[in-house]
PDB file of N, CA and C in Angstrom:
ATOM      1  N   ARG A   1      17.015 -26.273  34.020  1.00  0.00           N
ATOM      2  CA  ARG A   1      15.941 -25.224  34.568  1.00  0.00           C
ATOM      3  C   ARG A   1      14.551 -25.528  33.363  1.00  0.00           C
ATOM      4  N   PHE A   2      15.019 -25.578  32.245  1.00  0.00           N
ATOM      5  CA  PHE A   2      13.777 -25.904  31.410  1.00  0.00           C
ATOM      6  C   PHE A   2      13.816 -27.146  30.817  1.00  0.00           C
ATOM      7  N   GLY A   3      14.418 -28.229  31.284  1.00  0.00           N
ATOM      8  CA  GLY A   3      14.260 -29.558  30.931  1.00  0.00           C
ATOM      9  C   GLY A   3      13.058 -30.238  31.118  1.00  0.00           C
ATOM     10  N   PRO A   4      12.854 -31.330  30.603  1.00  0.00           N
ATOM     11  CA  PRO A   4      11.641 -32.149  30.820  1.00  0.00           C
ATOM     12  C   PRO A   4      11.504 -32.843  32.195  1.00  0.00           C
ATOM     13  N   LEU A   5      12.635 -33.135  32.744  1.00  0.00           N
ATOM     14  CA  LEU A   5      13.012 -33.918  34.129  1.00  0.00           C
ATOM     15  C   LEU A   5      13.312 -32.779  35.297  1.00  0.00           C
ATOM     16  N   PRO A   6      12.781 -33.069  36.583  1.00  0.00           N
ATOM     17  CA  PRO A   6      13.323 -32.444  37.526  1.00  0.00           C
ATOM     18  C   PRO A   6      14.645 -32.612  37.865  1.00  0.00           C
ATOM     19  N   LEU A   7      15.272 -31.622  38.342  1.00  0.00           N
ATOM     20  CA  LEU A   7      16.756 -31.823  38.719  1.00  0.00           C
ATOM     21  C   LEU A   7      16.954 -33.000  39.591  1.00  0.00           C
ATOM     22  N   GLY A   8      16.367 -33.334  40.606  1.00  0.00           N
ATOM     23  CA  GLY A   8      16.408 -34.665  41.347  1.00  0.00           C
ATOM     24  C   GLY A   8      16.673 -36.064  40.413  1.00  0.00           C
ATOM     25  N   ALA A   9      15.689 -35.983  39.519  1.00  0.00           N
ATOM     26  CA  ALA A   9      15.748 -37.351  38.575  1.00  0.00           C
ATOM     27  C   ALA A   9      16.836 -37.115  37.738  1.00  0.00           C
ATOM     28  N   VAL A  10      17.400 -35.952  37.392  1.00  0.00           N
ATOM     29  CA  VAL A  10      18.711 -36.243  36.704  1.00  0.00           C
ATOM     30  C   VAL A  10      19.836 -36.448  37.525  1.00  0.00           C
ATOM     31  N   LEU A  11      19.876 -36.085  38.765  1.00  0.00           N
ATOM     32  CA  LEU A  11      21.102 -36.249  39.673  1.00  0.00           C
ATOM     33  C   LEU A  11      21.134 -37.641  40.313  1.00  0.00           C
ATOM     34  N   ARG A  12      19.886 -38.212  40.270  1.00  0.00           N
ATOM     35  CA  ARG A  12      19.702 -39.343  41.043  1.00  0.00           C
ATOM     36  C   ARG A  12      20.589 -40.616  40.478  1.00  0.00           C
ATOM     37  N   PRO A  13      20.785 -40.874  39.310  1.00  0.00           N
ATOM     38  CA  PRO A  13      22.136 -41.874  38.866  1.00  0.00           C
ATOM     39  C   PRO A  13      23.463 -41.437  39.431  1.00  0.00           C
ATOM     40  N   LEU A  14      23.592 -40.274  39.870  1.00  0.00           N
ATOM     41  CA  LEU A  14      24.772 -39.920  40.601  1.00  0.00           C
ATOM     42  C   LEU A  14      24.887 -40.079  41.920  1.00  0.00           C
ATOM     43  N   GLY A  15      23.783 -40.432  42.550  1.00  0.00           N
ATOM     44  CA  GLY A  15      23.586 -40.907  44.130  1.00  0.00           C
ATOM     45  C   GLY A  15      23.337 -39.597  44.714  1.00  0.00           C
ATOM     46  N   ALA A  16      22.445 -38.677  44.055  1.00  0.00           N
ATOM     47  CA  ALA A  16      22.215 -37.389  44.901  1.00  0.00           C
ATOM     48  C   ALA A  16      21.409 -37.690  46.174  1.00  0.00           C
ATOM     49  N   ARG A  17      21.512 -36.812  46.892  1.00  0.00           N
ATOM     50  CA  ARG A  17      20.881 -36.912  48.286  1.00  0.00           C
ATOM     51  C   ARG A  17      20.232 -35.639  48.616  1.00  0.00           C
ATOM     52  N   ARG A  18      18.970 -35.532  49.375  1.00  0.00           N
ATOM     53  CA  ARG A  18      18.597 -34.435  49.535  1.00  0.00           C
ATOM     54  C   ARG A  18      18.657 -34.273  51.106  1.00  0.00           C
ATOM     55  N   HIS A  19      18.946 -33.175  51.481  1.00  0.00           N
ATOM     56  CA  HIS A  19      19.161 -32.735  52.882  1.00  0.00           C
ATOM     57  C   HIS A  19      18.306 -31.504  53.238  1.00  0.00           C
ATOM     58  N   THR A  20      17.281 -31.689  53.971  1.00  0.00           N
ATOM     59  CA  THR A  20      16.589 -30.461  54.426  1.00  0.00           C
ATOM     60  C   THR A  20      17.221 -29.597  55.381  1.00  0.00           C
ATOM     61  N   THR A  21      17.320 -28.327  55.233  1.00  0.00           N
ATOM     62  CA  THR A  21      18.044 -27.410  55.931  1.00  0.00           C
ATOM     63  C   THR A  21      17.217 -26.488  57.021  1.00  0.00           C
ATOM     64  N   SER A  22      15.952 -26.377  56.429  1.00  0.00           N
ATOM     65  CA  SER A  22      14.995 -25.795  57.546  1.00  0.00           C
ATOM     66  C   SER A  22      13.498 -25.863  56.949  1.00  0.00           C
ATOM     67  N   VAL A  23      12.692 -25.884  57.839  1.00  0.00           N
ATOM     68  CA  VAL A  23      11.211 -25.735  57.465  1.00  0.00           C
ATOM     69  C   VAL A  23      10.700 -24.855  58.549  1.00  0.00           C
ATOM     70  N   SER A  24       9.841 -23.957  57.900  1.00  0.00           N
ATOM     71  CA  SER A  24       9.189 -22.558  58.517  1.00  0.00           C
ATOM     72  C   SER A  24       7.841 -22.770  58.295  1.00  0.00           C
ATOM     73  N   ARG A  25       7.149 -22.052  59.267  1.00  0.00           N
ATOM     74  CA  ARG A  25       5.592 -21.888  59.036  1.00  0.00           C
ATOM     75  C   ARG A  25       5.570 -20.601  58.335  1.00  0.00           C
ATOM     76  N   ARG A  26       4.674 -20.187  57.414  1.00  0.00           N
ATOM     77  CA  ARG A  26       4.371 -19.253  56.701  1.00  0.00           C
ATOM     78  C   ARG A  26       3.296 -18.053  57.378  1.00  0.00           C
ATOM     79  N   HIS A  27       3.561 -16.876  57.695  1.00  0.00           N
ATOM     80  CA  HIS A  27       2.699 -15.999  58.103  1.00  0.00           C
ATOM     81  C   HIS A  27       2.211 -15.022  57.109  1.00  0.00           C
ATOM     82  N   ASP A  28       2.007 -15.308  56.057  1.00  0.00           N
ATOM     83  CA  ASP A  28       1.452 -14.391  55.027  1.00  0.00           C
ATOM     84  C   ASP A  28       0.037 -13.860  55.552  1.00  0.00           C
ATOM     85  N   TYR A  29      -0.747 -14.742  56.278  1.00  0.00           N
ATOM     86  CA  TYR A  29      -1.942 -14.273  56.696  1.00  0.00           C
ATOM     87  C   TYR A  29      -2.359 -14.505  58.086  1.00  0.00           C
ATOM     88  N   ASP A  30      -2.857 -13.252  58.575  1.00  0.00           N
ATOM     89  CA  ASP A  30      -3.278 -13.601  59.804  1.00  0.00           C
ATOM     90  C   ASP A  30      -4.751 -13.879  60.258  1.00  0.00           C
ATOM     91  N   ARG A  31      -5.310 -14.214  59.290  1.00  0.00           N
ATOM     92  CA  ARG A  31      -6.737 -14.613  59.249  1.00  0.00           C
ATOM     93  C   ARG A  31      -6.884 -15.960  59.331  1.00  0.00           C
ATOM     94  N   PRO A  32      -8.124 -16.779  60.017  1.00  0.00           N
ATOM     95  CA  PRO A  32      -8.282 -17.919  60.256  1.00  0.00           C
ATOM     96  C   PRO A  32      -8.434 -18.771  58.607  1.00  0.00           C
ATOM     97  N   VAL A  33      -8.055 -20.062  58.585  1.00  0.00           N
ATOM     98  CA  VAL A  33      -8.335 -20.566  57.190  1.00  0.00           C
ATOM     99  C   VAL A  33      -9.823 -20.505  56.858  1.00  0.00           C
ATOM    100  N   GLU A  34     -10.083 -20.210  55.769  1.00  0.00           N
ATOM    101  CA  GLU A  34     -11.643 -20.128  54.988  1.00  0.00           C
ATOM    102  C   GLU A  34     -11.717 -20.916  53.846  1.00  0.00           C
ATOM    103  N   HIS A  35     -12.753 -21.077  53.418  1.00  0.00           N
ATOM    104  CA  HIS A  35     -12.992 -22.124  52.268  1.00  0.00           C
ATOM    105  C   HIS A  35     -12.058 -21.504  51.081  1.00  0.00           C
ATOM    106  N   ASP A  36     -11.827 -20.273  50.663  1.00  0.00           N
ATOM    107  CA  ASP A  36     -11.082 -19.992  49.802  1.00  0.00           C
ATOM    108  C   ASP A  36      -9.579 -19.930  49.851  1.00  0.00           C
ATOM    109  N   ASP A  37      -9.021 -20.456  51.038  1.00  0.00           N
ATOM    110  CA  ASP A  37      -7.621 -20.323  51.443  1.00  0.00           C
ATOM    111  C   ASP A  37      -6.867 -21.485  50.723  1.00  0.00           C
ATOM    112  N   HIS A  38      -7.327 -22.228  49.675  1.00  0.00           N
ATOM    113  CA  HIS A  38      -6.714 -23.484  49.345  1.00  0.00           C
ATOM    114  C   HIS A  38      -5.455 -23.093  48.663  1.00  0.00           C
ATOM    115  N   ASP A  39      -5.167 -21.815  48.218  1.00  0.00           N
ATOM    116  CA  ASP A  39      -3.657 -21.506  47.684  1.00  0.00           C
ATOM    117  C   ASP A  39      -2.989 -20.826  48.721  1.00  0.00           C
ATOM    118  N   ARG A  40      -3.329 -20.743  49.895  1.00  0.00           N
ATOM    119  CA  ARG A  40      -2.551 -19.823  51.118  1.00  0.00           C
ATOM    120  C   ARG A  40      -1.175 -20.807  51.330  1.00  0.00           C
ATOM    121  N   PRO A  41       0.095 -20.124  51.290  1.00  0.00           N
ATOM    122  CA  PRO A  41       1.107 -20.796  51.429  1.00  0.00           C
ATOM    123  C   PRO A  41       1.408 -20.933  53.066  1.00  0.00           C
ATOM    124  N   VAL A  42       1.596 -22.312  53.298  1.00  0.00           N
ATOM    125  CA  VAL A  42       1.689 -22.832  54.809  1.00  0.00           C
ATOM    126  C   VAL A  42       3.136 -22.974  55.315  1.00  0.00           C
ATOM    127  N   LEU A  43       3.821 -23.901  54.516  1.00  0.00           N
ATOM    128  CA  LEU A  43       5.222 -24.212  55.057  1.00  0.00           C
ATOM    129  C   LEU A  43       6.471 -23.818  53.836  1.00  0.00           C
ATOM    130  N   LEU A  44       7.226 -23.333  54.427  1.00  0.00           N
ATOM    131  CA  LEU A  44       8.388 -22.985  53.433  1.00  0.00           C
ATOM    132  C   LEU A  44       9.647 -23.689  53.772  1.00  0.00           C
ATOM    133  N   VAL A  45      10.054 -24.792  52.865  1.00  0.00           N
ATOM    134  CA  VAL A  45      11.084 -25.852  53.138  1.00  0.00           C
ATOM    135  C   VAL A  45      12.436 -25.545  52.378  1.00  0.00           C
ATOM    136  N   ARG A  46      13.228 -25.559  52.859  1.00  0.00           N
ATOM    137  CA  ARG A  46      14.749 -25.343  52.063  1.00  0.00           C
ATOM    138  C   ARG A  46      15.423 -26.557  52.332  1.00  0.00           C
ATOM    139  N   ALA A  47      16.190 -26.859  51.330  1.00  0.00           N
ATOM    140  CA  ALA A  47      17.097 -27.905  51.161  1.00  0.00           C
ATOM    141  C   ALA A  47      18.190 -27.842  50.292  1.00  0.00           C
ATOM    142  N   THR A  48      19.045 -28.762  50.300  1.00  0.00           N
ATOM    143  CA  THR A  48      20.309 -28.873  49.369  1.00  0.00           C
ATOM    144  C   THR A  48      20.104 -30.303  48.683  1.00  0.00           C
ATOM    145  N   LEU A  49      20.526 -30.348  47.590  1.00  0.00           N
ATOM    146  CA  LEU A  49      20.972 -31.563  46.955  1.00  0.00           C
ATOM    147  C   LEU A  49      22.345 -31.777  46.824  1.00  0.00           C
ATOM    148  N   GLN A  50      22.775 -32.768  47.123  1.00  0.00           N
ATOM    149  CA  GLN A  50      24.231 -33.248  47.318  1.00  0.00           C
ATOM    150  C   GLN A  50      24.937 -34.569  46.612  1.00  0.00           C
ATOM    151  N   VAL A  51      25.781 -34.252  45.895  1.00  0.00           N
ATOM    152  CA  VAL A  51      26.394 -35.502  45.160  1.00  0.00           C
ATOM    153  C   VAL A  51      27.900 -35.525  45.911  1.00  0.00           C
ATOM    154  N   ALA A  52      28.080 -36.936  46.394  1.00  0.00           N
ATOM    155  CA  ALA A  52      29.170 -37.061  47.051  1.00  0.00           C
ATOM    156  C   ALA A  52      29.494 -36.145  47.993  1.00  0.00           C
ATOM    157  N   GLY A  53      28.706 -35.838  48.794  1.00  0.00           N
ATOM    158  CA  GLY A  53      28.741 -34.971  50.005  1.00  0.00           C
ATOM    159  C   GLY A  53      28.887 -33.632  49.703  1.00  0.00           C
ATOM    160  N   GLN A  54      28.848 -33.210  48.219  1.00  0.00           N
ATOM    161  CA  GLN A  54      29.205 -31.673  48.038  1.00  0.00           C
ATOM    162  C   GLN A  54      27.702 -31.187  47.422  1.00  0.00           C
ATOM    163  N   PRO A  55      27.294 -30.061  48.021  1.00  0.00           N
ATOM    164  CA  PRO A  55      26.190 -29.382  47.456  1.00  0.00           C
ATOM    165  C   PRO A  55      26.299 -29.063  46.075  1.00  0.00           C
ATOM    166  N   VAL A  56      25.123 -29.260  45.365  1.00  0.00           N
ATOM    167  CA  VAL A  56      25.349 -29.122  43.852  1.00  0.00           C
ATOM    168  C   VAL A  56      23.947 -28.162  43.471  1.00  0.00           C
ATOM    169  N   ALA A  57      23.100 -28.160  44.400  1.00  0.00           N
ATOM    170  CA  ALA A  57      21.727 -27.176  44.133  1.00  0.00           C
ATOM    171  C   ALA A  57      21.121 -26.949  45.452  1.00  0.00           C
ATOM    172  N   LEU A  58      20.504 -25.746  45.575  1.00  0.00           N
ATOM    173  CA  LEU A  58      19.564 -25.259  46.566  1.00  0.00           C
ATOM    174  C   LEU A  58      18.084 -25.474  46.084  1.00  0.00           C
ATOM    175  N   VAL A  59      17.075 -25.877  47.117  1.00  0.00           N
ATOM    176  CA  VAL A  59      15.894 -26.270  46.803  1.00  0.00           C
ATOM    177  C   VAL A  59      15.154 -25.283  47.920  1.00  0.00           C
ATOM    178  N   GLU A  60      14.012 -24.694  47.151  1.00  0.00           N
ATOM    179  CA  GLU A  60      13.064 -23.963  48.213  1.00  0.00           C
ATOM    180  C   GLU A  60      11.707 -24.226  47.830  1.00  0.00           C
ATOM    181  N   GLU A  61      10.842 -24.832  48.544  1.00  0.00           N
ATOM    182  CA  GLU A  61       9.552 -25.379  48.240  1.00  0.00           C
ATOM    183  C   GLU A  61       8.348 -24.668  49.009  1.00  0.00           C
ATOM    184  N   THR A  62       7.308 -24.151  48.553  1.00  0.00           N
ATOM    185  CA  THR A  62       6.368 -23.786  49.368  1.00  0.00           C
ATOM    186  C   THR A  62       5.094 -24.535  49.336  1.00  0.00           C
ATOM    187  N   TYR A  63       4.677 -25.061  50.654  1.00  0.00           N
ATOM    188  CA  TYR A  63       3.641 -25.913  50.354  1.00  0.00           C
ATOM    189  C   TYR A  63       2.339 -25.100  50.902  1.00  0.00           C
ATOM    190  N   LEU A  64       1.267 -25.408  49.890  1.00  0.00           N
ATOM    191  CA  LEU A  64      -0.060 -24.572  49.994  1.00  0.00           C
ATOM    192  C   LEU A  64      -0.957 -25.340  51.034  1.00  0.00           C
ATOM    193  N   GLU A  65      -1.866 -24.563  51.590  1.00  0.00           N
ATOM    194  CA  GLU A  65      -2.907 -25.121  52.502  1.00  0.00           C
ATOM    195  C   GLU A  65      -3.637 -26.356  51.908  1.00  0.00           C
ATOM    196  N   ALA A  66      -4.075 -26.169  50.734  1.00  0.00           N
ATOM    197  CA  ALA A  66      -4.732 -27.653  49.989  1.00  0.00           C
ATOM    198  C   ALA A  66      -3.945 -28.737  50.275  1.00  0.00           C
ATOM    199  N   VAL A  67      -2.673 -28.750  50.039  1.00  0.00           N
ATOM    200  CA  VAL A  67      -1.982 -30.039  50.078  1.00  0.00           C
ATOM    201  C   VAL A  67      -1.729 -30.428  51.385  1.00  0.00           C
ATOM    202  N   LEU A  68      -1.775 -29.718  52.538  1.00  0.00           N
ATOM    203  CA  LEU A  68      -1.661 -30.197  53.890  1.00  0.00           C
ATOM    204  C   LEU A  68      -3.111 -30.329  54.526  1.00  0.00           C
ATOM    205  N   SER A  69      -4.042 -29.849  54.148  1.00  0.00           N
ATOM    206  CA  SER A  69      -5.417 -30.103  54.745  1.00  0.00           C
ATOM    207  C   SER A  69      -6.027 -31.351  54.301  1.00  0.00           C
ATOM    208  N   PRO A  70      -6.757 -32.111  55.283  1.00  0.00           N
ATOM    209  CA  PRO A  70      -7.623 -32.987  54.777  1.00  0.00           C
ATOM    210  C   PRO A  70      -8.591 -32.684  54.014  1.00  0.00           C
ATOM    211  N   ALA A  71      -8.905 -33.695  53.253  1.00  0.00           N
ATOM    212  CA  ALA A  71     -10.138 -33.380  52.281  1.00  0.00           C
ATOM    213  C   ALA A  71     -11.211 -33.301  53.185  1.00  0.00           C
ATOM    214  N   ARG A  72     -11.977 -32.353  52.474  1.00  0.00           N
ATOM    215  CA  ARG A  72     -13.475 -31.851  53.141  1.00  0.00           C
ATOM    216  C   ARG A  72     -14.624 -32.368  52.518  1.00  0.00           C
TER     217      ARG A  72
END
């Protein structure tokens, strides 16, 4: 958790594979996208990291509006 490398990089030599289990839209805001919404959560992705077919870690990522929007 506090090491200098992400867990995926540590597990890669063991043949770790990522398996996405769900992707959902975030509905934290009911308003249309505005210029100041660059930090608005848009997607929630859940996955597992597996080594030799066995899950060893759960992953939960939140993607923000700024990452998914084309440059203005």
